[in-house]
Amino acid sequence: MTERRARRHDPERRERILDACLDVVGDVGVAGASTRRIAAAADVPLGSLTYHFDGVDELLHEAFERFTRRISDRFETYLGGAADVEQARRAVVELITVDLLADPRELVLTHELYTLAARDPRYRRLTHAWMARSRHALERHFDPATARLLDALIEGLTIHRALDTEPHERDEVRHAVALVTRAPAGPVAAPPGPAAG
């Protein structure tokens, strides 16, 4: 009589599957992220995916939620360490020029998430929550309107720096951050009307 194989104790399996899902999406995109590929990357049986998740969409949604939480936590750490507005500006420059470009896979994951959000309201809610956390961190140092503009600047400059074939100087980023944050953003003034004749 053969002994039954001992069941592998694997309390981290669910988290490992989520991380593997992000790895696979980073390598081959959402379209190529099959359950078989994800299971192989996580080193788990294929049945583990169906045991822990009700389909690939739930797995993807939770994996992207995990991804946005990690980025937001880092974002908040940078801004939370700033003691004043000038340090907050320097933290934003550091985010754009160093942190948000440190892992090229994160750029791919961000764009894959944006593509999903453009089509699916559930993923749009995820990106909305991500942006809200970013703005909340910025609002520790800047008024809400400036924080919204600065959040868009961070996003845009990070994408441009990652994809542009021309190098972007750090001084350009510093200048852009200074322009956006130099004064509280107020209502846009109406253009002057024609002079009375």
N, C-alpha and C. Protein backbone atom coordinates (compact mmCIF):
# COMPACT_ATOMS: atom_id res chain seq x y z
N MET A 1 0.84 -1.20 0.00
CA MET A 1 0.00 0.00 0.00
C MET A 1 0.88 1.25 0.00
N THR A 2 0.65 2.10 -0.93
CA THR A 2 1.47 3.32 -1.02
C THR A 2 0.91 4.41 -0.10
N GLU A 3 1.82 5.18 0.47
CA GLU A 3 1.39 6.28 1.34
C GLU A 3 0.85 7.42 0.50
N ARG A 4 -0.17 8.10 1.05
CA ARG A 4 -0.71 9.27 0.35
C ARG A 4 0.31 10.39 0.42
N ARG A 5 0.45 11.10 -0.67
CA ARG A 5 1.38 12.22 -0.70
C ARG A 5 0.90 13.31 0.25
N ALA A 6 1.81 13.82 1.03
CA ALA A 6 1.44 14.89 1.97
C ALA A 6 1.04 16.13 1.18
N ARG A 7 -0.03 16.76 1.64
CA ARG A 7 -0.50 17.97 0.97
C ARG A 7 0.45 19.11 1.28
N ARG A 8 0.85 19.83 0.27
CA ARG A 8 1.79 20.93 0.46
C ARG A 8 1.12 22.09 1.20
N HIS A 9 1.74 22.47 2.31
CA HIS A 9 1.22 23.62 3.06
C HIS A 9 1.71 24.89 2.36
N ASP A 10 0.79 25.67 1.87
CA ASP A 10 1.17 26.82 1.02
C ASP A 10 0.25 28.00 1.31
N PRO A 11 0.41 28.63 2.49
CA PRO A 11 -0.51 29.71 2.86
C PRO A 11 -0.39 30.95 1.99
N GLU A 12 0.73 31.09 1.29
CA GLU A 12 0.94 32.29 0.46
C GLU A 12 0.50 32.08 -0.99
N ARG A 13 -0.15 30.95 -1.25
CA ARG A 13 -0.44 30.58 -2.65
C ARG A 13 -1.29 31.65 -3.36
N ARG A 14 -2.32 32.14 -2.70
CA ARG A 14 -3.21 33.12 -3.34
C ARG A 14 -2.44 34.38 -3.73
N GLU A 15 -1.59 34.87 -2.81
CA GLU A 15 -0.81 36.07 -3.10
C GLU A 15 0.20 35.81 -4.21
N ARG A 16 0.77 34.59 -4.22
CA ARG A 16 1.73 34.24 -5.27
C ARG A 16 1.06 34.21 -6.64
N ILE A 17 -0.18 33.74 -6.69
CA ILE A 17 -0.92 33.72 -7.95
C ILE A 17 -1.15 35.16 -8.44
N LEU A 18 -1.52 36.05 -7.52
CA LEU A 18 -1.74 37.46 -7.90
C LEU A 18 -0.46 38.09 -8.44
N ASP A 19 0.65 37.84 -7.76
CA ASP A 19 1.93 38.39 -8.24
C ASP A 19 2.32 37.79 -9.59
N ALA A 20 2.07 36.48 -9.74
CA ALA A 20 2.38 35.83 -11.01
C ALA A 20 1.52 36.40 -12.13
N CYS A 21 0.27 36.70 -11.83
CA CYS A 21 -0.63 37.30 -12.82
C CYS A 21 -0.05 38.62 -13.31
N LEU A 22 0.44 39.45 -12.39
CA LEU A 22 1.05 40.73 -12.78
C LEU A 22 2.31 40.50 -13.61
N ASP A 23 3.11 39.51 -13.24
CA ASP A 23 4.31 39.20 -14.00
C ASP A 23 3.97 38.81 -15.44
N VAL A 24 2.96 37.96 -15.57
CA VAL A 24 2.57 37.49 -16.90
C VAL A 24 2.00 38.64 -17.73
N VAL A 25 1.13 39.46 -17.13
CA VAL A 25 0.58 40.61 -17.86
C VAL A 25 1.70 41.56 -18.25
N GLY A 26 2.68 41.75 -17.37
CA GLY A 26 3.82 42.60 -17.70
C GLY A 26 4.63 42.07 -18.86
N ASP A 27 4.67 40.73 -19.01
CA ASP A 27 5.44 40.11 -20.10
C ASP A 27 4.68 40.04 -21.41
N VAL A 28 3.40 39.62 -21.35
CA VAL A 28 2.66 39.33 -22.59
C VAL A 28 1.36 40.10 -22.73
N GLY A 29 1.04 40.97 -21.77
CA GLY A 29 -0.20 41.74 -21.84
C GLY A 29 -1.39 40.93 -21.36
N VAL A 30 -2.51 41.63 -21.18
CA VAL A 30 -3.74 40.97 -20.72
C VAL A 30 -4.18 39.91 -21.72
N ALA A 31 -4.06 40.22 -23.01
CA ALA A 31 -4.53 39.29 -24.04
C ALA A 31 -3.80 37.94 -23.98
N GLY A 32 -2.54 37.96 -23.56
CA GLY A 32 -1.77 36.72 -23.51
C GLY A 32 -1.74 36.06 -22.16
N ALA A 33 -2.44 36.65 -21.18
CA ALA A 33 -2.39 36.15 -19.81
C ALA A 33 -3.40 35.02 -19.61
N SER A 34 -3.08 33.85 -20.11
CA SER A 34 -3.96 32.70 -19.95
C SER A 34 -3.80 32.13 -18.55
N THR A 35 -4.83 31.41 -18.10
CA THR A 35 -4.75 30.79 -16.77
C THR A 35 -3.60 29.79 -16.71
N ARG A 36 -3.35 29.10 -17.81
CA ARG A 36 -2.25 28.13 -17.84
C ARG A 36 -0.91 28.82 -17.64
N ARG A 37 -0.72 29.97 -18.30
CA ARG A 37 0.53 30.72 -18.15
C ARG A 37 0.70 31.23 -16.72
N ILE A 38 -0.39 31.74 -16.16
CA ILE A 38 -0.32 32.29 -14.81
C ILE A 38 -0.03 31.19 -13.80
N ALA A 39 -0.69 30.03 -13.95
CA ALA A 39 -0.44 28.91 -13.04
C ALA A 39 1.02 28.46 -13.12
N ALA A 40 1.56 28.40 -14.33
CA ALA A 40 2.96 28.00 -14.49
C ALA A 40 3.90 29.01 -13.83
N ALA A 41 3.62 30.31 -14.01
CA ALA A 41 4.45 31.35 -13.41
C ALA A 41 4.39 31.31 -11.89
N ALA A 42 3.21 30.94 -11.35
CA ALA A 42 3.04 30.87 -9.89
C ALA A 42 3.51 29.53 -9.33
N ASP A 43 3.82 28.58 -10.22
CA ASP A 43 4.23 27.23 -9.82
C ASP A 43 3.15 26.56 -8.97
N VAL A 44 1.92 26.62 -9.50
CA VAL A 44 0.79 25.97 -8.83
C VAL A 44 0.01 25.17 -9.86
N PRO A 45 -0.76 24.18 -9.42
CA PRO A 45 -1.63 23.46 -10.36
C PRO A 45 -2.68 24.40 -10.94
N LEU A 46 -3.11 24.12 -12.15
CA LEU A 46 -4.11 24.96 -12.80
C LEU A 46 -5.39 25.06 -11.95
N GLY A 47 -5.75 23.99 -11.27
CA GLY A 47 -6.94 23.99 -10.43
C GLY A 47 -6.89 24.99 -9.29
N SER A 48 -5.68 25.41 -8.89
CA SER A 48 -5.57 26.39 -7.81
C SER A 48 -6.18 27.73 -8.20
N LEU A 49 -6.13 28.06 -9.48
CA LEU A 49 -6.70 29.34 -9.92
C LEU A 49 -8.21 29.33 -9.76
N THR A 50 -8.83 28.22 -10.15
CA THR A 50 -10.29 28.16 -10.04
C THR A 50 -10.72 27.98 -8.58
N TYR A 51 -9.84 27.43 -7.75
CA TYR A 51 -10.15 27.29 -6.32
C TYR A 51 -10.16 28.67 -5.65
N HIS A 52 -9.20 29.53 -6.00
CA HIS A 52 -9.05 30.83 -5.33
C HIS A 52 -9.81 31.97 -6.01
N PHE A 53 -10.13 31.82 -7.30
CA PHE A 53 -10.74 32.93 -8.04
C PHE A 53 -11.89 32.42 -8.91
N ASP A 54 -12.95 33.23 -9.00
CA ASP A 54 -14.10 32.88 -9.83
C ASP A 54 -13.88 33.35 -11.26
N GLY A 55 -12.86 32.86 -11.88
CA GLY A 55 -12.60 33.20 -13.26
C GLY A 55 -11.43 34.17 -13.41
N VAL A 56 -10.98 34.31 -14.65
CA VAL A 56 -9.79 35.11 -14.93
C VAL A 56 -10.05 36.60 -14.70
N ASP A 57 -11.29 37.05 -14.88
CA ASP A 57 -11.57 38.48 -14.68
C ASP A 57 -11.41 38.87 -13.22
N GLU A 58 -11.89 38.01 -12.31
CA GLU A 58 -11.70 38.31 -10.88
C GLU A 58 -10.21 38.32 -10.53
N LEU A 59 -9.47 37.39 -11.09
CA LEU A 59 -8.03 37.32 -10.86
C LEU A 59 -7.34 38.59 -11.36
N LEU A 60 -7.67 39.00 -12.58
CA LEU A 60 -7.07 40.22 -13.14
C LEU A 60 -7.43 41.45 -12.31
N HIS A 61 -8.70 41.55 -11.92
CA HIS A 61 -9.13 42.72 -11.16
C HIS A 61 -8.40 42.81 -9.82
N GLU A 62 -8.30 41.68 -9.13
CA GLU A 62 -7.60 41.69 -7.84
C GLU A 62 -6.11 41.95 -8.02
N ALA A 63 -5.53 41.42 -9.10
CA ALA A 63 -4.10 41.65 -9.34
C ALA A 63 -3.84 43.12 -9.62
N PHE A 64 -4.69 43.76 -10.42
CA PHE A 64 -4.51 45.18 -10.71
C PHE A 64 -4.79 46.03 -9.46
N GLU A 65 -5.73 45.59 -8.64
CA GLU A 65 -5.98 46.30 -7.38
C GLU A 65 -4.73 46.25 -6.50
N ARG A 66 -4.10 45.10 -6.47
CA ARG A 66 -2.85 44.92 -5.71
C ARG A 66 -1.76 45.84 -6.27
N PHE A 67 -1.66 45.90 -7.60
CA PHE A 67 -0.66 46.74 -8.26
C PHE A 67 -0.86 48.22 -7.92
N THR A 68 -2.11 48.71 -8.05
CA THR A 68 -2.36 50.12 -7.78
C THR A 68 -2.11 50.45 -6.31
N ARG A 69 -2.40 49.51 -5.42
CA ARG A 69 -2.18 49.74 -3.99
C ARG A 69 -0.68 49.89 -3.71
N ARG A 70 0.13 49.06 -4.34
CA ARG A 70 1.59 49.14 -4.14
C ARG A 70 2.14 50.48 -4.63
N ILE A 71 1.70 50.90 -5.82
CA ILE A 71 2.19 52.17 -6.36
C ILE A 71 1.73 53.32 -5.47
N SER A 72 0.47 53.28 -5.04
CA SER A 72 -0.06 54.34 -4.18
C SER A 72 0.68 54.40 -2.84
N ASP A 73 1.01 53.25 -2.29
CA ASP A 73 1.76 53.22 -1.03
C ASP A 73 3.11 53.90 -1.18
N ARG A 74 3.79 53.62 -2.29
CA ARG A 74 5.09 54.27 -2.53
C ARG A 74 4.92 55.77 -2.72
N PHE A 75 3.89 56.15 -3.47
CA PHE A 75 3.58 57.56 -3.72
C PHE A 75 3.38 58.28 -2.39
N GLU A 76 2.58 57.68 -1.51
CA GLU A 76 2.29 58.30 -0.22
C GLU A 76 3.53 58.37 0.66
N THR A 77 4.41 57.40 0.55
CA THR A 77 5.66 57.42 1.32
C THR A 77 6.52 58.61 0.90
N TYR A 78 6.63 58.82 -0.41
CA TYR A 78 7.40 59.97 -0.91
C TYR A 78 6.83 61.28 -0.39
N LEU A 79 5.52 61.47 -0.57
CA LEU A 79 4.90 62.74 -0.19
C LEU A 79 4.80 62.89 1.33
N GLY A 80 4.61 61.78 2.03
CA GLY A 80 4.50 61.82 3.48
C GLY A 80 5.79 62.21 4.16
N GLY A 81 6.92 61.96 3.48
CA GLY A 81 8.22 62.31 4.05
C GLY A 81 8.60 63.75 3.85
N ALA A 82 7.80 64.50 3.09
CA ALA A 82 8.11 65.92 2.82
C ALA A 82 7.61 66.78 3.97
N ALA A 83 8.49 67.64 4.49
CA ALA A 83 8.13 68.49 5.64
C ALA A 83 7.52 69.81 5.21
N ASP A 84 7.75 70.21 3.95
CA ASP A 84 7.21 71.49 3.48
C ASP A 84 6.99 71.41 1.97
N VAL A 85 6.50 72.51 1.39
CA VAL A 85 6.16 72.51 -0.04
C VAL A 85 7.40 72.29 -0.90
N GLU A 86 8.52 72.87 -0.53
CA GLU A 86 9.73 72.70 -1.34
C GLU A 86 10.18 71.24 -1.34
N GLN A 87 10.11 70.58 -0.20
CA GLN A 87 10.45 69.16 -0.15
C GLN A 87 9.44 68.33 -0.93
N ALA A 88 8.18 68.75 -0.90
CA ALA A 88 7.15 68.05 -1.68
C ALA A 88 7.44 68.17 -3.17
N ARG A 89 7.87 69.35 -3.62
CA ARG A 89 8.25 69.51 -5.04
C ARG A 89 9.39 68.57 -5.40
N ARG A 90 10.39 68.50 -4.52
CA ARG A 90 11.54 67.62 -4.79
C ARG A 90 11.09 66.15 -4.82
N ALA A 91 10.15 65.79 -3.94
CA ALA A 91 9.63 64.42 -3.93
C ALA A 91 8.93 64.09 -5.24
N VAL A 92 8.17 65.04 -5.77
CA VAL A 92 7.46 64.83 -7.05
C VAL A 92 8.47 64.66 -8.18
N VAL A 93 9.51 65.48 -8.19
CA VAL A 93 10.56 65.36 -9.23
C VAL A 93 11.21 63.98 -9.14
N GLU A 94 11.47 63.53 -7.92
CA GLU A 94 12.08 62.21 -7.72
C GLU A 94 11.15 61.10 -8.21
N LEU A 95 9.86 61.23 -7.93
CA LEU A 95 8.89 60.25 -8.41
C LEU A 95 8.93 60.15 -9.93
N ILE A 96 8.93 61.29 -10.60
CA ILE A 96 8.87 61.31 -12.06
C ILE A 96 10.16 60.80 -12.69
N THR A 97 11.29 61.22 -12.14
CA THR A 97 12.58 60.94 -12.80
C THR A 97 13.21 59.62 -12.39
N VAL A 98 12.84 59.12 -11.22
CA VAL A 98 13.50 57.90 -10.73
C VAL A 98 12.49 56.79 -10.42
N ASP A 99 11.62 57.00 -9.44
CA ASP A 99 10.82 55.91 -8.90
C ASP A 99 9.87 55.29 -9.91
N LEU A 100 9.08 56.13 -10.59
CA LEU A 100 8.04 55.60 -11.47
C LEU A 100 8.60 55.00 -12.76
N LEU A 101 9.91 55.14 -12.98
CA LEU A 101 10.52 54.54 -14.17
C LEU A 101 11.50 53.43 -13.79
N ALA A 102 11.57 53.11 -12.51
CA ALA A 102 12.56 52.13 -12.06
C ALA A 102 12.30 50.74 -12.63
N ASP A 103 11.04 50.38 -12.80
CA ASP A 103 10.67 49.05 -13.29
C ASP A 103 9.86 49.21 -14.57
N PRO A 104 10.44 48.90 -15.74
CA PRO A 104 9.72 49.07 -17.00
C PRO A 104 8.41 48.28 -17.04
N ARG A 105 8.34 47.19 -16.29
CA ARG A 105 7.12 46.37 -16.25
C ARG A 105 5.95 47.19 -15.72
N GLU A 106 6.21 48.11 -14.80
CA GLU A 106 5.14 48.90 -14.22
C GLU A 106 4.48 49.81 -15.26
N LEU A 107 5.27 50.29 -16.22
CA LEU A 107 4.71 51.11 -17.30
C LEU A 107 3.74 50.26 -18.13
N VAL A 108 4.15 49.03 -18.44
CA VAL A 108 3.29 48.13 -19.21
C VAL A 108 2.00 47.83 -18.44
N LEU A 109 2.13 47.52 -17.16
CA LEU A 109 0.96 47.21 -16.34
C LEU A 109 0.01 48.41 -16.27
N THR A 110 0.57 49.60 -16.13
CA THR A 110 -0.26 50.81 -16.07
C THR A 110 -1.06 50.97 -17.35
N HIS A 111 -0.43 50.79 -18.49
CA HIS A 111 -1.14 50.97 -19.76
C HIS A 111 -2.14 49.85 -20.03
N GLU A 112 -1.82 48.65 -19.60
CA GLU A 112 -2.78 47.55 -19.72
C GLU A 112 -4.02 47.86 -18.88
N LEU A 113 -3.80 48.39 -17.68
CA LEU A 113 -4.93 48.75 -16.81
C LEU A 113 -5.75 49.86 -17.45
N TYR A 114 -5.10 50.87 -18.01
CA TYR A 114 -5.83 51.97 -18.65
C TYR A 114 -6.69 51.47 -19.81
N THR A 115 -6.16 50.51 -20.55
CA THR A 115 -6.92 49.96 -21.68
C THR A 115 -8.17 49.24 -21.17
N LEU A 116 -8.02 48.47 -20.10
CA LEU A 116 -9.18 47.82 -19.50
C LEU A 116 -10.18 48.85 -18.98
N ALA A 117 -9.67 49.90 -18.33
CA ALA A 117 -10.54 50.92 -17.75
C ALA A 117 -11.30 51.70 -18.82
N ALA A 118 -10.72 51.83 -19.99
CA ALA A 118 -11.39 52.54 -21.08
C ALA A 118 -12.63 51.80 -21.55
N ARG A 119 -12.67 50.49 -21.30
CA ARG A 119 -13.79 49.67 -21.79
C ARG A 119 -14.73 49.20 -20.68
N ASP A 120 -14.20 49.08 -19.47
CA ASP A 120 -14.94 48.40 -18.41
C ASP A 120 -15.07 49.30 -17.18
N PRO A 121 -16.28 49.66 -16.78
CA PRO A 121 -16.48 50.56 -15.63
C PRO A 121 -15.87 50.03 -14.33
N ARG A 122 -15.79 48.70 -14.16
CA ARG A 122 -15.20 48.16 -12.93
C ARG A 122 -13.74 48.53 -12.81
N TYR A 123 -13.03 48.48 -13.93
CA TYR A 123 -11.62 48.87 -13.92
C TYR A 123 -11.47 50.40 -13.86
N ARG A 124 -12.48 51.11 -14.40
CA ARG A 124 -12.45 52.57 -14.31
C ARG A 124 -12.58 53.01 -12.86
N ARG A 125 -13.38 52.29 -12.09
CA ARG A 125 -13.50 52.60 -10.66
C ARG A 125 -12.17 52.37 -9.95
N LEU A 126 -11.44 51.37 -10.42
CA LEU A 126 -10.12 51.08 -9.85
C LEU A 126 -9.13 52.22 -10.14
N THR A 127 -9.12 52.69 -11.39
CA THR A 127 -8.20 53.79 -11.72
C THR A 127 -8.64 55.08 -11.04
N HIS A 128 -9.95 55.27 -10.88
CA HIS A 128 -10.44 56.46 -10.19
C HIS A 128 -9.97 56.46 -8.73
N ALA A 129 -10.06 55.32 -8.06
CA ALA A 129 -9.61 55.22 -6.68
C ALA A 129 -8.11 55.46 -6.58
N TRP A 130 -7.36 54.97 -7.57
CA TRP A 130 -5.91 55.17 -7.61
C TRP A 130 -5.60 56.66 -7.73
N MET A 131 -6.26 57.36 -8.65
CA MET A 131 -6.03 58.79 -8.82
C MET A 131 -6.43 59.57 -7.56
N ALA A 132 -7.52 59.14 -6.92
CA ALA A 132 -7.98 59.83 -5.72
C ALA A 132 -6.93 59.72 -4.61
N ARG A 133 -6.31 58.55 -4.48
CA ARG A 133 -5.26 58.39 -3.46
C ARG A 133 -4.06 59.27 -3.79
N SER A 134 -3.69 59.35 -5.05
CA SER A 134 -2.57 60.19 -5.45
C SER A 134 -2.84 61.65 -5.12
N ARG A 135 -4.04 62.12 -5.48
CA ARG A 135 -4.39 63.51 -5.21
C ARG A 135 -4.45 63.79 -3.72
N HIS A 136 -4.96 62.82 -2.95
CA HIS A 136 -5.03 62.99 -1.50
C HIS A 136 -3.62 63.18 -0.92
N ALA A 137 -2.66 62.40 -1.40
CA ALA A 137 -1.28 62.54 -0.93
C ALA A 137 -0.71 63.91 -1.30
N LEU A 138 -1.01 64.37 -2.51
CA LEU A 138 -0.52 65.68 -2.95
C LEU A 138 -1.17 66.82 -2.18
N GLU A 139 -2.43 66.61 -1.77
CA GLU A 139 -3.16 67.67 -1.06
C GLU A 139 -2.63 67.92 0.35
N ARG A 140 -1.71 67.10 0.81
CA ARG A 140 -1.04 67.41 2.07
C ARG A 140 -0.20 68.69 1.94
N HIS A 141 0.20 68.99 0.71
CA HIS A 141 1.11 70.10 0.48
C HIS A 141 0.58 71.15 -0.50
N PHE A 142 -0.42 70.79 -1.31
CA PHE A 142 -0.92 71.69 -2.35
C PHE A 142 -2.45 71.76 -2.28
N ASP A 143 -3.00 72.86 -2.76
CA ASP A 143 -4.45 72.99 -2.78
C ASP A 143 -5.04 71.97 -3.77
N PRO A 144 -6.33 71.62 -3.64
CA PRO A 144 -6.91 70.55 -4.46
C PRO A 144 -6.77 70.76 -5.97
N ALA A 145 -6.97 71.98 -6.45
CA ALA A 145 -6.87 72.21 -7.89
C ALA A 145 -5.44 71.99 -8.38
N THR A 146 -4.47 72.48 -7.61
CA THR A 146 -3.06 72.28 -7.98
C THR A 146 -2.70 70.80 -7.90
N ALA A 147 -3.22 70.11 -6.88
CA ALA A 147 -2.94 68.68 -6.74
C ALA A 147 -3.44 67.90 -7.95
N ARG A 148 -4.62 68.27 -8.46
CA ARG A 148 -5.18 67.59 -9.63
C ARG A 148 -4.30 67.81 -10.86
N LEU A 149 -3.86 69.06 -11.06
CA LEU A 149 -2.97 69.36 -12.20
C LEU A 149 -1.63 68.65 -12.05
N LEU A 150 -1.11 68.64 -10.83
CA LEU A 150 0.18 68.01 -10.59
C LEU A 150 0.11 66.50 -10.80
N ASP A 151 -1.00 65.90 -10.42
CA ASP A 151 -1.20 64.46 -10.65
C ASP A 151 -1.17 64.16 -12.15
N ALA A 152 -1.84 65.00 -12.94
CA ALA A 152 -1.83 64.82 -14.40
C ALA A 152 -0.43 65.04 -14.97
N LEU A 153 0.29 66.01 -14.42
CA LEU A 153 1.66 66.27 -14.88
C LEU A 153 2.56 65.07 -14.60
N ILE A 154 2.44 64.51 -13.40
CA ILE A 154 3.25 63.34 -13.05
C ILE A 154 3.00 62.20 -14.04
N GLU A 155 1.72 61.96 -14.30
CA GLU A 155 1.34 60.89 -15.24
C GLU A 155 1.90 61.15 -16.63
N GLY A 156 1.66 62.37 -17.12
CA GLY A 156 2.10 62.69 -18.48
C GLY A 156 3.60 62.67 -18.65
N LEU A 157 4.32 63.28 -17.73
CA LEU A 157 5.79 63.32 -17.86
C LEU A 157 6.41 61.94 -17.69
N THR A 158 5.83 61.13 -16.82
CA THR A 158 6.36 59.77 -16.65
C THR A 158 6.22 58.98 -17.95
N ILE A 159 5.06 59.08 -18.59
CA ILE A 159 4.85 58.38 -19.86
C ILE A 159 5.79 58.91 -20.94
N HIS A 160 5.89 60.24 -21.03
CA HIS A 160 6.77 60.83 -22.05
C HIS A 160 8.23 60.43 -21.84
N ARG A 161 8.68 60.47 -20.59
CA ARG A 161 10.08 60.10 -20.30
C ARG A 161 10.34 58.64 -20.61
N ALA A 162 9.33 57.79 -20.40
CA ALA A 162 9.52 56.37 -20.65
C ALA A 162 9.51 56.02 -22.13
N LEU A 163 8.69 56.74 -22.92
CA LEU A 163 8.48 56.34 -24.32
C LEU A 163 9.24 57.21 -25.33
N ASP A 164 9.64 58.41 -24.95
CA ASP A 164 10.30 59.31 -25.88
C ASP A 164 11.71 58.81 -26.19
N THR A 165 12.12 58.92 -27.44
CA THR A 165 13.48 58.52 -27.81
C THR A 165 14.50 59.61 -27.46
N GLU A 166 14.02 60.82 -27.23
CA GLU A 166 14.89 61.92 -26.82
C GLU A 166 15.00 61.92 -25.29
N PRO A 167 16.21 62.07 -24.75
CA PRO A 167 16.33 62.11 -23.29
C PRO A 167 15.71 63.37 -22.71
N HIS A 168 15.10 63.24 -21.54
CA HIS A 168 14.51 64.38 -20.84
C HIS A 168 15.41 64.73 -19.67
N GLU A 169 15.78 65.99 -19.58
CA GLU A 169 16.64 66.43 -18.48
C GLU A 169 15.84 66.58 -17.20
N ARG A 170 16.49 66.30 -16.10
CA ARG A 170 15.87 66.45 -14.78
C ARG A 170 15.44 67.90 -14.55
N ASP A 171 16.24 68.84 -15.06
CA ASP A 171 15.92 70.26 -14.88
C ASP A 171 14.58 70.61 -15.55
N GLU A 172 14.27 69.96 -16.67
CA GLU A 172 12.98 70.20 -17.33
C GLU A 172 11.83 69.79 -16.43
N VAL A 173 11.99 68.65 -15.78
CA VAL A 173 10.95 68.16 -14.87
C VAL A 173 10.82 69.10 -13.67
N ARG A 174 11.95 69.52 -13.14
CA ARG A 174 11.94 70.44 -11.99
C ARG A 174 11.23 71.74 -12.36
N HIS A 175 11.50 72.24 -13.57
CA HIS A 175 10.89 73.48 -14.04
C HIS A 175 9.37 73.30 -14.19
N ALA A 176 8.95 72.17 -14.76
CA ALA A 176 7.52 71.92 -14.96
C ALA A 176 6.79 71.83 -13.62
N VAL A 177 7.37 71.15 -12.66
CA VAL A 177 6.76 71.02 -11.33
C VAL A 177 6.66 72.39 -10.67
N ALA A 178 7.71 73.21 -10.82
CA ALA A 178 7.69 74.56 -10.24
C ALA A 178 6.60 75.41 -10.88
N LEU A 179 6.42 75.30 -12.19
CA LEU A 179 5.38 76.08 -12.88
C LEU A 179 3.99 75.73 -12.38
N VAL A 180 3.73 74.44 -12.21
CA VAL A 180 2.40 74.01 -11.80
C VAL A 180 2.12 74.35 -10.33
N THR A 181 3.16 74.37 -9.52
CA THR A 181 2.94 74.51 -8.07
C THR A 181 3.32 75.89 -7.52
N ARG A 182 3.66 76.83 -8.38
CA ARG A 182 4.18 78.10 -7.83
C ARG A 182 3.12 78.95 -7.16
N ALA A 183 1.84 78.78 -7.51
CA ALA A 183 0.78 79.57 -6.89
C ALA A 183 -0.50 78.75 -6.90
N PRO A 184 -1.39 79.01 -5.94
CA PRO A 184 -2.67 78.28 -5.95
C PRO A 184 -3.42 78.50 -7.25
N ALA A 185 -3.98 77.43 -7.77
CA ALA A 185 -4.73 77.54 -9.03
C ALA A 185 -6.10 78.13 -8.74
N GLY A 186 -6.45 79.19 -9.46
CA GLY A 186 -7.76 79.81 -9.29
C GLY A 186 -8.58 79.62 -10.54
N PRO A 187 -9.76 80.23 -10.59
CA PRO A 187 -10.58 80.12 -11.79
C PRO A 187 -9.89 80.76 -12.98
N VAL A 188 -10.14 80.19 -14.14
CA VAL A 188 -9.54 80.73 -15.36
C VAL A 188 -10.23 82.04 -15.70
N ALA A 189 -9.42 83.06 -15.93
CA ALA A 189 -9.97 84.39 -16.22
C ALA A 189 -10.53 84.40 -17.64
N ALA A 190 -11.63 85.12 -17.80
CA ALA A 190 -12.23 85.26 -19.15
C ALA A 190 -11.36 86.19 -19.97
N PRO A 191 -11.23 85.93 -21.26
CA PRO A 191 -10.45 86.84 -22.11
C PRO A 191 -11.10 88.22 -22.13
N PRO A 192 -10.28 89.25 -22.28
CA PRO A 192 -10.86 90.61 -22.30
C PRO A 192 -11.78 90.78 -23.50
N GLY A 193 -12.87 91.51 -23.30
CA GLY A 193 -13.80 91.77 -24.40
C GLY A 193 -13.28 92.88 -25.29
N PRO A 194 -13.97 93.16 -26.38
CA PRO A 194 -13.52 94.24 -27.29
C PRO A 194 -13.58 95.58 -26.56
N ALA A 195 -12.61 96.41 -26.87
CA ALA A 195 -12.56 97.73 -26.24
C ALA A 195 -13.76 98.55 -26.69
N ALA A 196 -14.30 99.31 -25.71
CA ALA A 196 -15.43 100.18 -26.05
C ALA A 196 -14.97 101.29 -26.98
N GLY A 197 -15.74 101.56 -28.02
CA GLY A 197 -15.31 102.54 -29.00
C GLY A 197 -16.05 103.78 -28.99
